[in-house]
Amino acid sequence: MAKKLYVGNLSYNSTAENVRALFAEAGEVVDVAIIMDRETGRSRGFGFVEMATEEAGREAIKRFDGYMLDNRRLTVNAARPRTDRREEFGGGRSSGGNRERSSDRSSDRNGMRRNRF
């Protein structure tokens, strides 16, 4: 069973290649993902490393949590299972979208529409 690790406080200059090389010292690395900002294309300062075995994952946490890489002290721990973000924010339900906002209404108090001319 593979072990997925969260790696935080990465330098914005860190690459998947140099993170892979570092974590390979603790065991076989299956995958490295540095999370990038969609707008700027720059690293967001964290990523995930998947180790081949639980043992290699534990060794990587022991070795690299608090390790200095590119003048930054890394945070390394077991990654939490990914959740569906829509569930975290009310299940993805929408408020309708076609409803008018009170400030956009163009009707008088009796519900009659007024012309805006």
C-alpha atoms as a PDB file:
ATOM      1  CA  MET A   1       0.000   0.000   0.000  1.00  0.00           C
ATOM      2  CA  ALA A   2       1.336   3.423  -0.946  1.00  0.00           C
ATOM      3  CA  LYS A   3       1.656   6.287   1.497  1.00  0.00           C
ATOM      4  CA  LYS A   4       0.664   9.793   0.380  1.00  0.00           C
ATOM      5  CA  LEU A   5       2.363  12.651   2.189  1.00  0.00           C
ATOM      6  CA  TYR A   6       1.554  16.349   2.449  1.00  0.00           C
ATOM      7  CA  VAL A   7       4.621  18.562   2.040  1.00  0.00           C
ATOM      8  CA  GLY A   8       4.128  22.143   3.155  1.00  0.00           C
ATOM      9  CA  ASN A   9       6.189  25.320   3.282  1.00  0.00           C
ATOM     10  CA  LEU A  10       7.942  24.583  -0.002  1.00  0.00           C
ATOM     11  CA  SER A  11       9.918  27.360  -1.623  1.00  0.00           C
ATOM     12  CA  TYR A  12       8.197  28.851  -4.662  1.00  0.00           C
ATOM     13  CA  ASN A  13      11.313  27.763  -6.573  1.00  0.00           C
ATOM     14  CA  SER A  14      10.989  24.098  -5.571  1.00  0.00           C
ATOM     15  CA  THR A  15      10.363  21.717  -8.438  1.00  0.00           C
ATOM     16  CA  ALA A  16       8.918  18.228  -8.568  1.00  0.00           C
ATOM     17  CA  GLU A  17      12.364  16.982  -9.589  1.00  0.00           C
ATOM     18  CA  ASN A  18      14.227  18.345  -6.555  1.00  0.00           C
ATOM     19  CA  VAL A  19      11.455  17.221  -4.164  1.00  0.00           C
ATOM     20  CA  ARG A  20      11.533  13.740  -5.753  1.00  0.00           C
ATOM     21  CA  ALA A  21      15.319  13.570  -5.361  1.00  0.00           C
ATOM     22  CA  LEU A  22      15.082  14.514  -1.690  1.00  0.00           C
ATOM     23  CA  PHE A  23      12.322  12.038  -0.826  1.00  0.00           C
ATOM     24  CA  ALA A  24      14.046   9.250  -2.768  1.00  0.00           C
ATOM     25  CA  GLU A  25      16.576   9.222   0.081  1.00  0.00           C
ATOM     26  CA  ALA A  26      13.824   7.713   2.293  1.00  0.00           C
ATOM     27  CA  GLY A  27      12.568   5.144  -0.240  1.00  0.00           C
ATOM     28  CA  GLU A  28      10.920   4.683  -3.616  1.00  0.00           C
ATOM     29  CA  VAL A  29       8.866   7.671  -4.757  1.00  0.00           C
ATOM     30  CA  VAL A  30       5.776   6.859  -6.821  1.00  0.00           C
ATOM     31  CA  ASP A  31       4.578  10.402  -7.600  1.00  0.00           C
ATOM     32  CA  VAL A  32       5.259  14.050  -6.775  1.00  0.00           C
ATOM     33  CA  ALA A  33       2.731  16.836  -7.310  1.00  0.00           C
ATOM     34  CA  ILE A  34       3.560  20.469  -6.607  1.00  0.00           C
ATOM     35  CA  ILE A  35       0.304  22.439  -6.440  1.00  0.00           C
ATOM     36  CA  MET A  36       0.335  25.435  -8.789  1.00  0.00           C
ATOM     37  CA  ASP A  37      -1.752  28.615  -8.701  1.00  0.00           C
ATOM     38  CA  ARG A  38      -4.162  28.689 -11.651  1.00  0.00           C
ATOM     39  CA  GLU A  39      -3.878  32.422 -12.223  1.00  0.00           C
ATOM     40  CA  THR A  40      -0.153  33.005 -11.815  1.00  0.00           C
ATOM     41  CA  GLY A  41       1.236  29.575 -12.719  1.00  0.00           C
ATOM     42  CA  ARG A  42       3.485  29.841  -9.657  1.00  0.00           C
ATOM     43  CA  SER A  43       3.816  27.214  -6.927  1.00  0.00           C
ATOM     44  CA  ARG A  44       1.377  27.619  -4.039  1.00  0.00           C
ATOM     45  CA  GLY A  45       4.071  26.450  -1.609  1.00  0.00           C
ATOM     46  CA  PHE A  46       2.834  22.929  -0.959  1.00  0.00           C
ATOM     47  CA  GLY A  47       2.521  19.584  -2.643  1.00  0.00           C
ATOM     48  CA  PHE A  48       2.097  15.856  -2.245  1.00  0.00           C
ATOM     49  CA  VAL A  49       4.566  12.996  -2.420  1.00  0.00           C
ATOM     50  CA  GLU A  50       3.407   9.424  -2.795  1.00  0.00           C
ATOM     51  CA  MET A  51       5.819   6.848  -1.441  1.00  0.00           C
ATOM     52  CA  ALA A  52       5.771   3.209  -2.573  1.00  0.00           C
ATOM     53  CA  THR A  53       5.362   1.725   0.915  1.00  0.00           C
ATOM     54  CA  GLU A  54       4.025   2.681   4.333  1.00  0.00           C
ATOM     55  CA  GLU A  55       7.506   2.147   5.729  1.00  0.00           C
ATOM     56  CA  ALA A  56       9.054   4.579   3.231  1.00  0.00           C
ATOM     57  CA  GLY A  57       6.320   7.089   4.088  1.00  0.00           C
ATOM     58  CA  ARG A  58       7.050   6.860   7.809  1.00  0.00           C
ATOM     59  CA  GLU A  59      10.780   7.209   7.125  1.00  0.00           C
ATOM     60  CA  ALA A  60      10.182  10.303   4.961  1.00  0.00           C
ATOM     61  CA  ILE A  61       8.088  11.939   7.679  1.00  0.00           C
ATOM     62  CA  LYS A  62      10.768  11.151  10.281  1.00  0.00           C
ATOM     63  CA  ARG A  63      13.582  12.507   8.090  1.00  0.00           C
ATOM     64  CA  PHE A  64      12.008  15.509   6.426  1.00  0.00           C
ATOM     65  CA  ASP A  65       9.458  17.043   8.817  1.00  0.00           C
ATOM     66  CA  GLY A  66      11.351  20.167   9.884  1.00  0.00           C
ATOM     67  CA  TYR A  67      14.050  19.651   7.221  1.00  0.00           C
ATOM     68  CA  MET A  68      15.494  22.825   5.654  1.00  0.00           C
ATOM     69  CA  LEU A  69      15.096  22.911   1.861  1.00  0.00           C
ATOM     70  CA  ASP A  70      15.824  26.141  -0.059  1.00  0.00           C
ATOM     71  CA  ASN A  71      15.949  28.050   3.248  1.00  0.00           C
ATOM     72  CA  ARG A  72      12.439  26.867   4.211  1.00  0.00           C
ATOM     73  CA  ARG A  73      11.573  24.470   7.056  1.00  0.00           C
ATOM     74  CA  LEU A  74       9.374  21.744   5.531  1.00  0.00           C
ATOM     75  CA  THR A  75       6.187  20.407   7.076  1.00  0.00           C
ATOM     76  CA  VAL A  76       5.746  16.734   6.194  1.00  0.00           C
ATOM     77  CA  ASN A  77       2.896  14.565   7.408  1.00  0.00           C
ATOM     78  CA  ALA A  78       0.399  11.969   6.203  1.00  0.00           C
ATOM     79  CA  ALA A  79      -2.008  13.499   3.706  1.00  0.00           C
ATOM     80  CA  ARG A  80      -5.670  13.513   4.677  1.00  0.00           C
ATOM     81  CA  PRO A  81      -8.071  11.767   2.323  1.00  0.00           C
ATOM     82  CA  ARG A  82      -9.352  14.055  -0.395  1.00  0.00           C
ATOM     83  CA  THR A  83     -12.931  15.243   0.085  1.00  0.00           C
ATOM     84  CA  ASP A  84     -15.427  16.516  -2.427  1.00  0.00           C
ATOM     85  CA  ARG A  85     -15.243  20.295  -1.972  1.00  0.00           C
ATOM     86  CA  ARG A  86     -18.905  20.710  -2.925  1.00  0.00           C
ATOM     87  CA  GLU A  87     -19.923  18.760   0.174  1.00  0.00           C
ATOM     88  CA  GLU A  88     -17.920  21.107   2.382  1.00  0.00           C
ATOM     89  CA  PHE A  89     -19.839  24.112   1.109  1.00  0.00           C
ATOM     90  CA  GLY A  90     -23.458  22.978   1.317  1.00  0.00           C
ATOM     91  CA  GLY A  91     -23.545  20.055  -1.103  1.00  0.00           C
ATOM     92  CA  GLY A  92     -23.225  22.074  -4.287  1.00  0.00           C
ATOM     93  CA  ARG A  93     -26.768  23.394  -4.199  1.00  0.00           C
ATOM     94  CA  SER A  94     -27.411  26.668  -5.883  1.00  0.00           C
ATOM     95  CA  SER A  95     -29.778  29.444  -4.880  1.00  0.00           C
ATOM     96  CA  GLY A  96     -31.467  29.500  -8.230  1.00  0.00           C
ATOM     97  CA  GLY A  97     -29.583  32.022 -10.310  1.00  0.00           C
ATOM     98  CA  ASN A  98     -32.725  33.381 -12.022  1.00  0.00           C
ATOM     99  CA  ARG A  99     -34.048  35.145  -8.983  1.00  0.00           C
ATOM    100  CA  GLU A 100     -33.804  38.908  -9.002  1.00  0.00           C
ATOM    101  CA  ARG A 101     -31.954  40.660  -6.221  1.00  0.00           C
ATOM    102  CA  SER A 102     -33.983  43.160  -4.251  1.00  0.00           C
ATOM    103  CA  SER A 103     -31.854  46.046  -5.535  1.00  0.00           C
ATOM    104  CA  ASP A 104     -32.421  44.938  -9.144  1.00  0.00           C
ATOM    105  CA  ARG A 105     -36.195  44.791  -8.993  1.00  0.00           C
ATOM    106  CA  SER A 106     -37.942  47.170 -11.283  1.00  0.00           C
ATOM    107  CA  SER A 107     -41.446  46.901  -9.848  1.00  0.00           C
ATOM    108  CA  ASP A 108     -43.436  49.159  -7.589  1.00  0.00           C
ATOM    109  CA  ARG A 109     -44.862  48.093  -4.227  1.00  0.00           C
ATOM    110  CA  ASN A 110     -47.882  46.415  -5.827  1.00  0.00           C
ATOM    111  CA  GLY A 111     -45.706  44.128  -7.955  1.00  0.00           C
ATOM    112  CA  MET A 112     -46.381  46.064 -11.156  1.00  0.00           C
ATOM    113  CA  ARG A 113     -43.390  46.461 -13.459  1.00  0.00           C
ATOM    114  CA  ARG A 114     -42.159  49.945 -14.234  1.00  0.00           C
ATOM    115  CA  ASN A 115     -40.383  50.980 -17.359  1.00  0.00           C
ATOM    116  CA  ARG A 116     -36.905  52.417 -16.882  1.00  0.00           C
ATOM    117  CA  PHE A 117     -36.837  55.260 -19.413  1.00  0.00           C
END
